[in-house]
Amino acid sequence: MTDVLDQAQQVEEAEREASIALAVAPLKGEGSADCGGCGDPIEALRRAAMPSARRCAECQAARERRAREFRS
């Protein structure tokens, strides 16, 4: 039983660390290689133009459209 509990604790800890890293990365100005919206790789040109990008151009545009619609 202890092995299963230890494994669950390790998974939980890894997920927590990953969540914290994702939350802190924009504060550090760090971007991501993969889009946080669709999971596809972020294009190299976008990453070069905006190193702190967390989403591909398409997902970012969709997010901005939704935000504008919400404010309207």
N, C-alpha and C. Protein backbone atom coordinates (compact mmCIF):
# COMPACT_ATOMS: atom_id res chain seq x y z
N MET A 1 0.80 -1.19 0.00
CA MET A 1 0.00 0.00 0.00
C MET A 1 0.85 1.26 0.00
N THR A 2 1.91 1.25 0.72
CA THR A 2 2.77 2.42 0.81
C THR A 2 3.32 2.82 -0.55
N ASP A 3 3.64 1.83 -1.40
CA ASP A 3 4.17 2.15 -2.71
C ASP A 3 3.17 2.96 -3.54
N VAL A 4 1.91 2.58 -3.49
CA VAL A 4 0.88 3.30 -4.24
C VAL A 4 0.73 4.72 -3.69
N LEU A 5 0.74 4.86 -2.39
CA LEU A 5 0.64 6.18 -1.78
C LEU A 5 1.86 7.03 -2.10
N ASP A 6 3.04 6.43 -2.08
CA ASP A 6 4.26 7.17 -2.44
C ASP A 6 4.20 7.64 -3.89
N GLN A 7 3.74 6.76 -4.76
CA GLN A 7 3.62 7.13 -6.18
C GLN A 7 2.62 8.25 -6.36
N ALA A 8 1.49 8.18 -5.68
CA ALA A 8 0.48 9.23 -5.78
C ALA A 8 1.04 10.56 -5.28
N GLN A 9 1.80 10.51 -4.21
CA GLN A 9 2.40 11.72 -3.66
C GLN A 9 3.41 12.31 -4.64
N GLN A 10 4.19 11.45 -5.28
CA GLN A 10 5.17 11.93 -6.27
C GLN A 10 4.48 12.57 -7.46
N VAL A 11 3.39 11.97 -7.92
CA VAL A 11 2.64 12.53 -9.05
C VAL A 11 2.05 13.88 -8.66
N GLU A 12 1.47 13.95 -7.47
CA GLU A 12 0.89 15.20 -7.00
C GLU A 12 1.95 16.30 -6.90
N GLU A 13 3.11 15.96 -6.37
CA GLU A 13 4.19 16.92 -6.24
C GLU A 13 4.68 17.40 -7.61
N ALA A 14 4.82 16.49 -8.55
CA ALA A 14 5.26 16.85 -9.90
C ALA A 14 4.24 17.76 -10.58
N GLU A 15 2.95 17.45 -10.41
CA GLU A 15 1.91 18.29 -10.99
C GLU A 15 1.90 19.67 -10.36
N ARG A 16 2.10 19.73 -9.06
CA ARG A 16 2.13 21.02 -8.36
C ARG A 16 3.31 21.87 -8.84
N GLU A 17 4.48 21.24 -8.96
CA GLU A 17 5.66 21.96 -9.43
C GLU A 17 5.47 22.46 -10.86
N ALA A 18 4.86 21.63 -11.71
CA ALA A 18 4.60 22.04 -13.09
C ALA A 18 3.62 23.21 -13.14
N SER A 19 2.59 23.17 -12.31
CA SER A 19 1.62 24.26 -12.26
C SER A 19 2.27 25.56 -11.80
N ILE A 20 3.10 25.47 -10.80
CA ILE A 20 3.80 26.65 -10.30
C ILE A 20 4.73 27.21 -11.37
N ALA A 21 5.45 26.33 -12.05
CA ALA A 21 6.37 26.78 -13.10
C ALA A 21 5.60 27.49 -14.21
N LEU A 22 4.43 26.96 -14.59
CA LEU A 22 3.63 27.60 -15.63
C LEU A 22 3.11 28.95 -15.17
N ALA A 23 2.75 29.06 -13.91
CA ALA A 23 2.22 30.31 -13.39
C ALA A 23 3.30 31.38 -13.25
N VAL A 24 4.50 30.98 -12.93
CA VAL A 24 5.58 31.92 -12.68
C VAL A 24 6.31 32.32 -13.96
N ALA A 25 6.30 31.47 -14.97
CA ALA A 25 7.05 31.73 -16.20
C ALA A 25 6.73 33.09 -16.82
N PRO A 26 5.45 33.48 -16.95
CA PRO A 26 5.18 34.80 -17.53
C PRO A 26 5.75 35.94 -16.70
N LEU A 27 5.79 35.77 -15.40
CA LEU A 27 6.34 36.81 -14.53
C LEU A 27 7.84 36.98 -14.77
N LYS A 28 8.48 35.89 -15.16
CA LYS A 28 9.91 35.93 -15.45
C LYS A 28 10.17 36.33 -16.89
N GLY A 29 9.10 36.48 -17.70
CA GLY A 29 9.26 36.82 -19.11
C GLY A 29 9.57 35.60 -19.96
N GLU A 30 9.37 34.41 -19.40
CA GLU A 30 9.64 33.19 -20.15
C GLU A 30 8.40 32.75 -20.89
N GLY A 31 8.59 32.25 -22.07
CA GLY A 31 7.49 31.74 -22.87
C GLY A 31 7.44 30.23 -22.78
N SER A 32 6.80 29.65 -23.76
CA SER A 32 6.63 28.21 -23.79
C SER A 32 6.87 27.72 -25.20
N ALA A 33 7.35 26.51 -25.33
CA ALA A 33 7.55 25.92 -26.65
C ALA A 33 6.23 25.42 -27.21
N ASP A 34 5.31 25.03 -26.33
CA ASP A 34 4.01 24.51 -26.75
C ASP A 34 2.90 25.43 -26.29
N CYS A 35 1.88 25.53 -27.11
CA CYS A 35 0.74 26.41 -26.84
C CYS A 35 -0.05 25.91 -25.64
N GLY A 36 -0.38 26.83 -24.75
CA GLY A 36 -1.20 26.50 -23.60
C GLY A 36 -2.65 26.31 -23.95
N GLY A 37 -3.04 26.68 -25.18
CA GLY A 37 -4.42 26.51 -25.61
C GLY A 37 -4.66 25.20 -26.32
N CYS A 38 -3.91 24.97 -27.40
CA CYS A 38 -4.14 23.78 -28.22
C CYS A 38 -3.09 22.69 -28.03
N GLY A 39 -1.95 23.04 -27.44
CA GLY A 39 -0.90 22.06 -27.20
C GLY A 39 0.08 21.89 -28.34
N ASP A 40 -0.21 22.53 -29.47
CA ASP A 40 0.71 22.45 -30.62
C ASP A 40 1.94 23.31 -30.34
N PRO A 41 3.04 23.03 -31.04
CA PRO A 41 4.23 23.86 -30.86
C PRO A 41 3.97 25.31 -31.29
N ILE A 42 4.52 26.25 -30.54
CA ILE A 42 4.42 27.66 -30.91
C ILE A 42 5.47 27.91 -32.00
N GLU A 43 5.05 28.58 -33.05
CA GLU A 43 5.91 28.83 -34.19
C GLU A 43 7.17 29.59 -33.76
N ALA A 44 8.29 29.24 -34.40
CA ALA A 44 9.58 29.85 -34.06
C ALA A 44 9.56 31.36 -34.27
N LEU A 45 8.90 31.83 -35.33
CA LEU A 45 8.84 33.28 -35.58
C LEU A 45 8.09 33.99 -34.47
N ARG A 46 7.02 33.38 -33.98
CA ARG A 46 6.27 34.00 -32.88
C ARG A 46 7.11 34.03 -31.62
N ARG A 47 7.79 32.94 -31.32
CA ARG A 47 8.64 32.91 -30.13
C ARG A 47 9.78 33.91 -30.24
N ALA A 48 10.30 34.09 -31.47
CA ALA A 48 11.39 35.06 -31.65
C ALA A 48 10.86 36.49 -31.46
N ALA A 49 9.66 36.75 -31.97
CA ALA A 49 9.08 38.09 -31.86
C ALA A 49 8.57 38.37 -30.45
N MET A 50 8.07 37.33 -29.79
CA MET A 50 7.52 37.50 -28.45
C MET A 50 7.98 36.33 -27.59
N PRO A 51 9.16 36.44 -27.01
CA PRO A 51 9.71 35.32 -26.22
C PRO A 51 8.84 34.88 -25.05
N SER A 52 7.98 35.76 -24.57
CA SER A 52 7.14 35.40 -23.43
C SER A 52 5.81 34.77 -23.86
N ALA A 53 5.64 34.47 -25.15
CA ALA A 53 4.38 33.91 -25.65
C ALA A 53 4.08 32.58 -24.97
N ARG A 54 2.82 32.43 -24.58
CA ARG A 54 2.36 31.20 -23.93
C ARG A 54 1.37 30.45 -24.83
N ARG A 55 0.92 31.13 -25.92
CA ARG A 55 -0.03 30.52 -26.83
C ARG A 55 0.39 30.80 -28.27
N CYS A 56 -0.03 29.93 -29.18
CA CYS A 56 0.23 30.16 -30.60
C CYS A 56 -0.60 31.38 -31.02
N ALA A 57 -0.28 31.94 -32.17
CA ALA A 57 -0.96 33.16 -32.64
C ALA A 57 -2.46 32.94 -32.76
N GLU A 58 -2.88 31.79 -33.27
CA GLU A 58 -4.30 31.51 -33.45
C GLU A 58 -5.04 31.45 -32.12
N CYS A 59 -4.50 30.75 -31.15
CA CYS A 59 -5.15 30.65 -29.83
C CYS A 59 -5.14 31.99 -29.12
N GLN A 60 -4.07 32.77 -29.27
CA GLN A 60 -4.02 34.08 -28.64
C GLN A 60 -5.06 35.00 -29.25
N ALA A 61 -5.21 34.96 -30.57
CA ALA A 61 -6.22 35.78 -31.24
C ALA A 61 -7.62 35.40 -30.78
N ALA A 62 -7.89 34.10 -30.65
CA ALA A 62 -9.20 33.64 -30.19
C ALA A 62 -9.45 34.11 -28.76
N ARG A 63 -8.42 34.06 -27.93
CA ARG A 63 -8.56 34.50 -26.53
C ARG A 63 -8.87 36.00 -26.48
N GLU A 64 -8.19 36.78 -27.31
CA GLU A 64 -8.43 38.22 -27.33
C GLU A 64 -9.82 38.54 -27.86
N ARG A 65 -10.31 37.78 -28.87
CA ARG A 65 -11.67 37.97 -29.38
C ARG A 65 -12.69 37.71 -28.28
N ARG A 66 -12.49 36.60 -27.55
CA ARG A 66 -13.43 36.28 -26.46
C ARG A 66 -13.43 37.37 -25.39
N ALA A 67 -12.26 37.91 -25.09
CA ALA A 67 -12.18 38.97 -24.08
C ALA A 67 -12.92 40.22 -24.55
N ARG A 68 -12.77 40.56 -25.84
CA ARG A 68 -13.48 41.74 -26.38
C ARG A 68 -14.99 41.51 -26.34
N GLU A 69 -15.42 40.30 -26.70
CA GLU A 69 -16.86 39.99 -26.69
C GLU A 69 -17.41 40.04 -25.28
N PHE A 70 -16.60 39.58 -24.33
CA PHE A 70 -17.05 39.59 -22.93
C PHE A 70 -17.23 41.02 -22.43
N ARG A 71 -16.34 41.90 -22.83
CA ARG A 71 -16.41 43.30 -22.38
C ARG A 71 -17.54 44.07 -23.05
N SER A 72 -17.97 43.61 -24.21
CA SER A 72 -19.03 44.32 -24.95
C SER A 72 -20.38 44.17 -24.31
